[in-house]
């Protein structure tokens, strides 16, 4: 009777160990690696494509490591953990939104090494990336899209570039928009009128204070 219990215990341990190894290997399946690449650099929701300035955050980690080894390793751990976990999510693109929504929580951590790049690298090299990132964020004042829904990720073929196929044409057509105000009033304003109205509301609120 005791032998049976020991045998069952060994089988259970082997089963759980096998399941853990299987889950770990799942992260390194080809389709998951494809998702990681899409989350980082591809035109559809790629972190460094939408925010090119964050490239200097990665460079800044090397500068930061010299003086803050533990903090640097923690940032790298957070970054890899978020990337691996989001690569496992079915709706890895974040749904109806602008950019890689699921990686937004990484932004505060990536700002820290970015400061080290500002100190070590000449601003002449960094400013173009800042301008591009600001321009791309300006494009976000349009209604978002979700063209990635149901797309295959078993290859490295890009399946969309929302910044230039959706957001930029919308900006040229409608101008800067306040989607929050339009949805609240259920009315679409003419180009720039919605933003002007929103600024007017903010002005009166600020003036009242």
C-alpha atoms as a PDB file:
ATOM      1  CA  UNK A   1       0.000   0.000   0.000  1.00  0.00           C
ATOM      2  CA  UNK A   2       2.844   2.353   0.861  1.00  0.00           C
ATOM      3  CA  UNK A   3       4.617   1.479  -2.395  1.00  0.00           C
ATOM      4  CA  UNK A   4       1.527   2.483  -4.361  1.00  0.00           C
ATOM      5  CA  UNK A   5       1.380   5.881  -2.622  1.00  0.00           C
ATOM      6  CA  UNK A   6       5.037   6.526  -3.346  1.00  0.00           C
ATOM      7  CA  UNK A   7       4.526   5.524  -6.960  1.00  0.00           C
ATOM      8  CA  UNK A   8       1.484   7.790  -7.293  1.00  0.00           C
ATOM      9  CA  UNK A   9       3.381  10.670  -5.711  1.00  0.00           C
ATOM     10  CA  UNK A  10       6.258  10.219  -8.148  1.00  0.00           C
ATOM     11  CA  UNK A  11       3.847  10.132 -11.083  1.00  0.00           C
ATOM     12  CA  UNK A  12       2.129  13.338  -9.852  1.00  0.00           C
ATOM     13  CA  UNK A  13       5.474  15.086  -9.423  1.00  0.00           C
ATOM     14  CA  UNK A  14       6.555  13.993 -12.895  1.00  0.00           C
ATOM     15  CA  UNK A  15       3.243  15.199 -14.342  1.00  0.00           C
ATOM     16  CA  UNK A  16       3.459  18.660 -12.758  1.00  0.00           C
ATOM     17  CA  UNK A  17       7.135  18.989 -13.694  1.00  0.00           C
ATOM     18  CA  UNK A  18       6.313  18.026 -17.269  1.00  0.00           C
ATOM     19  CA  UNK A  19       3.445  20.537 -17.347  1.00  0.00           C
ATOM     20  CA  UNK A  20       5.727  23.325 -16.097  1.00  0.00           C
ATOM     21  CA  UNK A  21       8.374  22.517 -18.686  1.00  0.00           C
ATOM     22  CA  UNK A  22       5.694  22.420 -21.365  1.00  0.00           C
ATOM     23  CA  UNK A  23       4.388  25.850 -20.303  1.00  0.00           C
ATOM     24  CA  UNK A  24       7.915  27.250 -20.315  1.00  0.00           C
ATOM     25  CA  UNK A  25       8.619  25.873 -23.790  1.00  0.00           C
ATOM     26  CA  UNK A  26       5.338  27.379 -24.995  1.00  0.00           C
ATOM     27  CA  UNK A  27       6.945  30.827 -24.799  1.00  0.00           C
ATOM     28  CA  UNK A  28       9.575  29.739 -27.306  1.00  0.00           C
ATOM     29  CA  UNK A  29       7.250  28.299 -29.903  1.00  0.00           C
ATOM     30  CA  UNK A  30       7.773  29.941 -33.313  1.00  0.00           C
ATOM     31  CA  UNK A  31       4.413  31.724 -33.265  1.00  0.00           C
ATOM     32  CA  UNK A  32       5.136  33.207 -29.802  1.00  0.00           C
ATOM     33  CA  UNK A  33       8.530  34.451 -30.975  1.00  0.00           C
ATOM     34  CA  UNK A  34       6.761  36.046 -33.934  1.00  0.00           C
ATOM     35  CA  UNK A  35       4.385  37.817 -31.549  1.00  0.00           C
ATOM     36  CA  UNK A  36       7.324  39.131 -29.503  1.00  0.00           C
ATOM     37  CA  UNK A  37       8.876  40.592 -32.641  1.00  0.00           C
ATOM     38  CA  UNK A  38       5.552  42.179 -33.589  1.00  0.00           C
ATOM     39  CA  UNK A  39       5.187  43.656 -30.105  1.00  0.00           C
ATOM     40  CA  UNK A  40       8.645  45.217 -30.348  1.00  0.00           C
ATOM     41  CA  UNK A  41       9.460  46.407 -33.866  1.00  0.00           C
ATOM     42  CA  UNK A  42       6.710  45.605 -36.366  1.00  0.00           C
ATOM     43  CA  UNK A  43       4.514  48.400 -37.809  1.00  0.00           C
ATOM     44  CA  UNK A  44       1.362  46.922 -36.293  1.00  0.00           C
ATOM     45  CA  UNK A  45       1.521  47.851 -32.574  1.00  0.00           C
ATOM     46  CA  UNK A  46       5.316  47.555 -32.271  1.00  0.00           C
ATOM     47  CA  UNK A  47       6.600  49.349 -29.166  1.00  0.00           C
ATOM     48  CA  UNK A  48       9.729  50.791 -30.787  1.00  0.00           C
ATOM     49  CA  UNK A  49       7.869  51.550 -34.017  1.00  0.00           C
ATOM     50  CA  UNK A  50       5.269  53.702 -32.254  1.00  0.00           C
ATOM     51  CA  UNK A  51       7.778  55.193 -29.802  1.00  0.00           C
ATOM     52  CA  UNK A  52      11.224  55.282 -31.494  1.00  0.00           C
ATOM     53  CA  UNK A  53      12.653  57.309 -28.622  1.00  0.00           C
ATOM     54  CA  UNK A  54      12.481  54.173 -26.454  1.00  0.00           C
ATOM     55  CA  UNK A  55      15.355  52.708 -28.467  1.00  0.00           C
ATOM     56  CA  UNK A  56      17.558  54.948 -26.344  1.00  0.00           C
ATOM     57  CA  UNK A  57      16.025  53.375 -23.235  1.00  0.00           C
ATOM     58  CA  UNK A  58      17.601  50.063 -24.243  1.00  0.00           C
ATOM     59  CA  UNK A  59      20.922  51.797 -24.917  1.00  0.00           C
ATOM     60  CA  UNK A  60      20.608  53.590 -21.577  1.00  0.00           C
ATOM     61  CA  UNK A  61      20.467  50.250 -19.758  1.00  0.00           C
ATOM     62  CA  UNK A  62      24.128  49.691 -20.605  1.00  0.00           C
ATOM     63  CA  UNK A  63      25.060  53.097 -19.190  1.00  0.00           C
ATOM     64  CA  UNK A  64      22.877  52.529 -16.141  1.00  0.00           C
ATOM     65  CA  UNK A  65      24.342  49.091 -15.401  1.00  0.00           C
ATOM     66  CA  UNK A  66      27.732  50.549 -14.486  1.00  0.00           C
ATOM     67  CA  UNK A  67      26.357  52.343 -11.421  1.00  0.00           C
ATOM     68  CA  UNK A  68      22.996  50.657 -10.741  1.00  0.00           C
ATOM     69  CA  UNK A  69      23.372  46.943 -11.447  1.00  0.00           C
ATOM     70  CA  UNK A  70      20.454  45.670  -9.333  1.00  0.00           C
ATOM     71  CA  UNK A  71      18.030  48.322 -10.627  1.00  0.00           C
ATOM     72  CA  UNK A  72      19.071  47.641 -14.218  1.00  0.00           C
ATOM     73  CA  UNK A  73      18.506  43.908 -13.831  1.00  0.00           C
ATOM     74  CA  UNK A  74      15.071  44.549 -12.318  1.00  0.00           C
ATOM     75  CA  UNK A  75      14.079  46.732 -15.289  1.00  0.00           C
ATOM     76  CA  UNK A  76      15.300  44.042 -17.697  1.00  0.00           C
ATOM     77  CA  UNK A  77      13.323  41.440 -15.721  1.00  0.00           C
ATOM     78  CA  UNK A  78      10.129  43.540 -15.867  1.00  0.00           C
ATOM     79  CA  UNK A  79      10.613  44.149 -19.569  1.00  0.00           C
ATOM     80  CA  UNK A  80      11.119  40.478 -20.447  1.00  0.00           C
ATOM     81  CA  UNK A  81       8.283  39.363 -18.154  1.00  0.00           C
ATOM     82  CA  UNK A  82       5.786  41.755 -19.748  1.00  0.00           C
ATOM     83  CA  UNK A  83       6.943  40.768 -23.216  1.00  0.00           C
ATOM     84  CA  UNK A  84       6.713  37.028 -22.550  1.00  0.00           C
ATOM     85  CA  UNK A  85       3.320  37.245 -20.843  1.00  0.00           C
ATOM     86  CA  UNK A  86       1.793  39.444 -23.530  1.00  0.00           C
ATOM     87  CA  UNK A  87       3.122  37.163 -26.242  1.00  0.00           C
ATOM     88  CA  UNK A  88       0.991  34.433 -24.698  1.00  0.00           C
ATOM     89  CA  UNK A  89      -2.235  36.455 -24.727  1.00  0.00           C
ATOM     90  CA  UNK A  90      -4.577  35.702 -27.625  1.00  0.00           C
ATOM     91  CA  UNK A  91      -5.421  39.380 -28.206  1.00  0.00           C
ATOM     92  CA  UNK A  92      -1.769  40.416 -27.903  1.00  0.00           C
ATOM     93  CA  UNK A  93      -2.389  43.551 -30.019  1.00  0.00           C
ATOM     94  CA  UNK A  94      -4.484  45.080 -27.222  1.00  0.00           C
ATOM     95  CA  UNK A  95      -7.830  45.344 -28.982  1.00  0.00           C
ATOM     96  CA  UNK A  96      -9.461  48.609 -30.050  1.00  0.00           C
ATOM     97  CA  UNK A  97      -6.694  51.033 -29.095  1.00  0.00           C
ATOM     98  CA  UNK A  98      -3.651  53.001 -30.217  1.00  0.00           C
ATOM     99  CA  UNK A  99      -0.301  51.255 -30.031  1.00  0.00           C
ATOM    100  CA  UNK A 100       0.807  48.357 -27.800  1.00  0.00           C
ATOM    101  CA  UNK A 101      -1.652  48.902 -24.947  1.00  0.00           C
ATOM    102  CA  UNK A 102      -0.553  45.886 -22.928  1.00  0.00           C
ATOM    103  CA  UNK A 103       3.013  47.219 -22.743  1.00  0.00           C
ATOM    104  CA  UNK A 104       1.963  50.641 -21.431  1.00  0.00           C
ATOM    105  CA  UNK A 105       2.866  49.654 -17.864  1.00  0.00           C
ATOM    106  CA  UNK A 106       6.504  49.392 -18.952  1.00  0.00           C
ATOM    107  CA  UNK A 107       6.773  53.089 -19.815  1.00  0.00           C
ATOM    108  CA  UNK A 108       7.759  54.369 -16.322  1.00  0.00           C
ATOM    109  CA  UNK A 109      10.521  51.767 -16.108  1.00  0.00           C
ATOM    110  CA  UNK A 110      11.849  52.602 -19.582  1.00  0.00           C
ATOM    111  CA  UNK A 111      11.994  56.310 -18.738  1.00  0.00           C
ATOM    112  CA  UNK A 112      14.741  55.698 -16.163  1.00  0.00           C
ATOM    113  CA  UNK A 113      17.438  54.340 -18.535  1.00  0.00           C
ATOM    114  CA  UNK A 114      16.319  56.936 -21.093  1.00  0.00           C
ATOM    115  CA  UNK A 115      17.661  59.637 -18.759  1.00  0.00           C
ATOM    116  CA  UNK A 116      21.077  57.968 -18.805  1.00  0.00           C
ATOM    117  CA  UNK A 117      21.089  58.125 -22.609  1.00  0.00           C
ATOM    118  CA  UNK A 118      20.282  61.835 -22.422  1.00  0.00           C
ATOM    119  CA  UNK A 119      23.379  62.330 -20.264  1.00  0.00           C
ATOM    120  CA  UNK A 120      25.748  60.237 -22.359  1.00  0.00           C
ATOM    121  CA  UNK A 121      24.565  60.806 -25.951  1.00  0.00           C
ATOM    122  CA  UNK A 122      24.515  64.120 -27.773  1.00  0.00           C
ATOM    123  CA  UNK A 123      21.008  65.527 -28.094  1.00  0.00           C
ATOM    124  CA  UNK A 124      21.566  66.079 -31.832  1.00  0.00           C
ATOM    125  CA  UNK A 125      21.211  62.322 -32.269  1.00  0.00           C
ATOM    126  CA  UNK A 126      18.230  62.012 -29.936  1.00  0.00           C
ATOM    127  CA  UNK A 127      16.078  64.986 -31.015  1.00  0.00           C
ATOM    128  CA  UNK A 128      14.954  63.412 -34.357  1.00  0.00           C
ATOM    129  CA  UNK A 129      13.640  60.391 -32.446  1.00  0.00           C
ATOM    130  CA  UNK A 130      11.835  62.671 -29.999  1.00  0.00           C
ATOM    131  CA  UNK A 131      10.189  64.600 -32.857  1.00  0.00           C
ATOM    132  CA  UNK A 132       9.096  61.404 -34.614  1.00  0.00           C
ATOM    133  CA  UNK A 133       7.698  59.965 -31.375  1.00  0.00           C
ATOM    134  CA  UNK A 134       5.767  63.171 -30.642  1.00  0.00           C
ATOM    135  CA  UNK A 135       4.364  63.207 -34.178  1.00  0.00           C
ATOM    136  CA  UNK A 136       3.265  59.580 -33.931  1.00  0.00           C
ATOM    137  CA  UNK A 137       1.552  60.351 -30.622  1.00  0.00           C
ATOM    138  CA  UNK A 138      -0.200  63.298 -32.250  1.00  0.00           C
ATOM    139  CA  UNK A 139      -1.715  60.802 -34.681  1.00  0.00           C
ATOM    140  CA  UNK A 140      -3.380  59.063 -31.727  1.00  0.00           C
ATOM    141  CA  UNK A 141      -6.031  61.823 -31.534  1.00  0.00           C
ATOM    142  CA  UNK A 142      -8.109  59.833 -34.017  1.00  0.00           C
ATOM    143  CA  UNK A 143     -10.467  56.928 -33.634  1.00  0.00           C
ATOM    144  CA  UNK A 144      -8.413  53.749 -33.084  1.00  0.00           C
ATOM    145  CA  UNK A 145      -8.549  50.622 -35.193  1.00  0.00           C
ATOM    146  CA  UNK A 146      -8.251  46.864 -34.712  1.00  0.00           C
ATOM    147  CA  UNK A 147      -7.089  45.479 -38.034  1.00  0.00           C
ATOM    148  CA  UNK A 148      -4.978  42.819 -36.341  1.00  0.00           C
ATOM    149  CA  UNK A 149      -7.940  40.811 -35.117  1.00  0.00           C
ATOM    150  CA  UNK A 150      -7.731  37.229 -36.334  1.00  0.00           C
ATOM    151  CA  UNK A 151      -4.497  37.725 -38.284  1.00  0.00           C
ATOM    152  CA  UNK A 152      -1.994  34.881 -38.443  1.00  0.00           C
ATOM    153  CA  UNK A 153       1.256  35.242 -36.520  1.00  0.00           C
ATOM    154  CA  UNK A 154       3.031  32.137 -37.814  1.00  0.00           C
ATOM    155  CA  UNK A 155       5.293  34.215 -40.054  1.00  0.00           C
ATOM    156  CA  UNK A 156       7.120  37.535 -40.104  1.00  0.00           C
ATOM    157  CA  UNK A 157       5.036  39.111 -42.868  1.00  0.00           C
ATOM    158  CA  UNK A 158       3.647  42.526 -41.743  1.00  0.00           C
ATOM    159  CA  UNK A 159      -0.138  42.713 -41.966  1.00  0.00           C
ATOM    160  CA  UNK A 160      -0.754  46.388 -41.393  1.00  0.00           C
ATOM    161  CA  UNK A 161       0.711  49.813 -40.695  1.00  0.00           C
ATOM    162  CA  UNK A 162      -2.029  51.734 -38.844  1.00  0.00           C
ATOM    163  CA  UNK A 163       0.088  54.864 -38.357  1.00  0.00           C
ATOM    164  CA  UNK A 164       0.293  55.571 -42.092  1.00  0.00           C
ATOM    165  CA  UNK A 165      -2.732  53.643 -43.355  1.00  0.00           C
ATOM    166  CA  UNK A 166      -5.293  54.817 -40.796  1.00  0.00           C
ATOM    167  CA  UNK A 167      -4.149  57.521 -38.353  1.00  0.00           C
ATOM    168  CA  UNK A 168      -2.266  59.837 -40.730  1.00  0.00           C
ATOM    169  CA  UNK A 169      -5.048  59.885 -43.392  1.00  0.00           C
ATOM    170  CA  UNK A 170      -7.585  60.535 -40.618  1.00  0.00           C
ATOM    171  CA  UNK A 171      -5.502  63.409 -39.266  1.00  0.00           C
ATOM    172  CA  UNK A 172      -5.236  64.988 -42.723  1.00  0.00           C
ATOM    173  CA  UNK A 173      -8.975  64.592 -43.245  1.00  0.00           C
ATOM    174  CA  UNK A 174     -10.365  65.555 -39.832  1.00  0.00           C
ATOM    175  CA  UNK A 175      -7.474  67.369 -38.150  1.00  0.00           C
ATOM    176  CA  UNK A 176      -6.758  66.864 -34.442  1.00  0.00           C
ATOM    177  CA  UNK A 177      -9.806  65.385 -32.773  1.00  0.00           C
ATOM    178  CA  UNK A 178     -11.116  64.889 -29.290  1.00  0.00           C
ATOM    179  CA  UNK A 179     -12.676  61.440 -29.497  1.00  0.00           C
ATOM    180  CA  UNK A 180     -13.649  61.694 -25.815  1.00  0.00           C
ATOM    181  CA  UNK A 181     -15.708  64.836 -26.462  1.00  0.00           C
ATOM    182  CA  UNK A 182     -17.275  63.475 -29.656  1.00  0.00           C
ATOM    183  CA  UNK A 183     -18.307  60.237 -27.980  1.00  0.00           C
ATOM    184  CA  UNK A 184     -19.675  62.074 -24.945  1.00  0.00           C
ATOM    185  CA  UNK A 185     -21.816  64.389 -27.109  1.00  0.00           C
ATOM    186  CA  UNK A 186     -22.478  61.742 -29.785  1.00  0.00           C
ATOM    187  CA  UNK A 187     -21.680  64.305 -32.456  1.00  0.00           C
ATOM    188  CA  UNK A 188     -18.820  64.620 -34.960  1.00  0.00           C
ATOM    189  CA  UNK A 189     -17.455  68.135 -35.242  1.00  0.00           C
ATOM    190  CA  UNK A 190     -15.741  69.735 -38.186  1.00  0.00           C
ATOM    191  CA  UNK A 191     -11.916  69.585 -38.262  1.00  0.00           C
ATOM    192  CA  UNK A 192     -10.253  71.403 -35.339  1.00  0.00           C
ATOM    193  CA  UNK A 193     -13.616  72.607 -33.928  1.00  0.00           C
ATOM    194  CA  UNK A 194     -13.767  69.752 -31.424  1.00  0.00           C
ATOM    195  CA  UNK A 195     -10.272  70.458 -30.127  1.00  0.00           C
ATOM    196  CA  UNK A 196     -11.005  74.198 -29.912  1.00  0.00           C
ATOM    197  CA  UNK A 197     -14.177  73.462 -27.939  1.00  0.00           C
ATOM    198  CA  UNK A 198     -12.297  71.143 -25.593  1.00  0.00           C
ATOM    199  CA  UNK A 199      -9.590  73.766 -25.001  1.00  0.00           C
ATOM    200  CA  UNK A 200     -12.312  76.343 -24.324  1.00  0.00           C
ATOM    201  CA  UNK A 201     -13.883  74.086 -21.686  1.00  0.00           C
ATOM    202  CA  UNK A 202     -10.486  73.497 -20.076  1.00  0.00           C
ATOM    203  CA  UNK A 203      -9.819  77.245 -20.075  1.00  0.00           C
ATOM    204  CA  UNK A 204     -13.052  78.071 -18.249  1.00  0.00           C
ATOM    205  CA  UNK A 205     -12.445  75.283 -15.714  1.00  0.00           C
ATOM    206  CA  UNK A 206      -8.901  76.564 -15.119  1.00  0.00           C
ATOM    207  CA  UNK A 207     -10.101  80.176 -14.909  1.00  0.00           C
ATOM    208  CA  UNK A 208     -12.754  79.260 -12.372  1.00  0.00           C
ATOM    209  CA  UNK A 209     -10.116  77.658 -10.145  1.00  0.00           C
END
